[in-house]
Amino acid sequence: MAVHDDCKLKFLELKAKRNYRFITFKIESQQVVIDKLGSPEEDYNDFAASLPADECRYAVFDFDFITDENCQKSKIFFIAWSPDTSKVRMKMVYASSRRDPS
């Protein structure tokens, strides 16, 4: 499965510049492309609301947290979204082509 260059570019921007809170990706015409970009002001609830109820997606989410030592940290999570209501074929395509965008 090919990954569009914009996916890699936007992921690097999220990672280095923190331009986005999250990015969702979808498979379109045998290629992984960007679905949605979440602004830095958005939170996990906005991210969860952006995921379709009946379609699979890949996503990366930049999670900010404070450690027990009171240090501000950030961790990027890769999420494979595959809701129960999505079609079996779609689940199989997403599961077989899953790849970390980094």
Protein backbone atom coordinates (compact mmCIF):
# COMPACT_ATOMS: atom_id res chain seq x y z
CA MET A 1 0.00 0.00 0.00
CA ALA A 2 1.45 3.34 -1.03
CA VAL A 3 1.52 6.27 1.37
CA HIS A 4 1.04 9.72 -0.16
CA ASP A 5 3.94 12.11 0.45
CA ASP A 6 1.62 14.60 2.20
CA CYS A 7 1.00 12.02 4.93
CA LYS A 8 4.68 11.82 5.73
CA LEU A 9 5.12 15.59 5.55
CA LYS A 10 2.18 16.38 7.84
CA PHE A 11 3.25 13.68 10.32
CA LEU A 12 6.73 15.23 10.51
CA GLU A 13 5.12 18.66 11.06
CA LEU A 14 3.03 17.21 13.90
CA LYS A 15 6.11 15.58 15.39
CA ALA A 16 8.59 18.45 15.07
CA LYS A 17 6.53 21.65 14.92
CA ARG A 18 3.38 20.48 16.71
CA ASN A 19 1.23 22.14 14.04
CA TYR A 20 -1.56 19.61 14.60
CA ARG A 21 -3.14 17.79 17.55
CA PHE A 22 -4.12 14.84 15.39
CA ILE A 23 -4.14 13.57 11.82
CA THR A 24 -6.54 10.97 10.46
CA PHE A 25 -5.69 8.97 7.37
CA LYS A 26 -7.85 6.92 5.02
CA ILE A 27 -7.24 4.52 2.17
CA GLU A 28 -8.33 5.90 -1.16
CA SER A 29 -7.51 4.35 -4.55
CA GLN A 30 -4.95 1.93 -3.06
CA GLN A 31 -3.12 4.79 -1.33
CA VAL A 32 -3.08 6.14 2.23
CA VAL A 33 -4.08 9.82 2.15
CA ILE A 34 -4.86 12.51 4.72
CA ASP A 35 -8.47 12.58 5.89
CA LYS A 36 -8.47 15.33 8.55
CA LEU A 37 -6.03 17.60 10.37
CA GLY A 38 -6.80 18.67 13.92
CA SER A 39 -5.55 22.06 15.06
CA PRO A 40 -3.34 22.29 18.18
CA GLU A 41 -6.30 23.79 20.10
CA GLU A 42 -8.42 20.68 19.60
CA ASP A 43 -8.49 17.91 22.19
CA TYR A 44 -9.19 14.19 22.44
CA ASN A 45 -12.96 14.73 22.34
CA ASP A 46 -12.61 16.60 19.03
CA PHE A 47 -10.43 13.79 17.72
CA ALA A 48 -12.91 11.10 18.77
CA ALA A 49 -15.78 13.05 17.19
CA SER A 50 -13.86 13.27 13.90
CA LEU A 51 -13.71 9.47 13.52
CA PRO A 52 -16.48 8.02 11.35
CA ALA A 53 -18.87 5.57 13.02
CA ASP A 54 -18.84 3.06 10.15
CA GLU A 55 -15.48 3.44 8.37
CA CYS A 56 -11.93 2.47 9.29
CA ARG A 57 -9.14 5.02 9.66
CA TYR A 58 -5.55 5.31 10.77
CA ALA A 59 -4.69 8.19 13.06
CA VAL A 60 -1.91 9.79 15.04
CA PHE A 61 -2.70 11.78 18.17
CA ASP A 62 -0.30 14.08 20.03
CA PHE A 63 -1.14 13.59 23.71
CA ASP A 64 0.08 16.15 26.25
CA PHE A 65 0.40 15.11 29.89
CA ILE A 66 2.12 16.01 33.14
CA THR A 67 4.33 13.40 34.83
CA ASP A 68 4.40 12.59 38.54
CA GLU A 69 7.49 14.83 38.71
CA ASN A 70 5.36 17.73 37.36
CA CYS A 71 7.06 17.77 33.94
CA GLN A 72 5.08 18.61 30.80
CA LYS A 73 5.47 15.79 28.25
CA SER A 74 4.00 14.77 24.94
CA LYS A 75 3.56 11.35 23.38
CA ILE A 76 2.37 10.52 19.87
CA PHE A 77 0.02 7.57 19.58
CA PHE A 78 -0.74 5.60 16.41
CA ILE A 79 -4.35 4.42 16.33
CA ALA A 80 -5.93 1.89 14.00
CA TRP A 81 -9.65 2.75 14.09
CA SER A 82 -11.82 -0.19 13.07
CA PRO A 83 -15.38 0.15 14.42
CA ASP A 84 -17.65 -2.89 14.67
CA THR A 85 -20.07 -1.29 12.20
CA SER A 86 -17.51 -1.00 9.38
CA LYS A 87 -17.60 -3.48 6.51
CA VAL A 88 -15.57 -6.69 6.88
CA ARG A 89 -13.68 -6.06 3.64
CA MET A 90 -12.68 -2.58 4.79
CA LYS A 91 -11.44 -3.98 8.12
CA MET A 92 -9.36 -6.57 6.27
CA VAL A 93 -7.81 -3.97 3.95
CA TYR A 94 -6.89 -1.69 6.85
CA ALA A 95 -5.55 -4.55 8.98
CA SER A 96 -3.40 -5.97 6.18
CA SER A 97 -1.90 -2.63 5.14
CA ARG A 98 -1.31 -1.10 8.57
CA ARG A 99 2.00 0.69 8.83
CA ASP A 100 3.37 3.26 11.26
CA PRO A 101 3.53 6.56 9.32
CA SER A 102 6.92 7.53 10.79
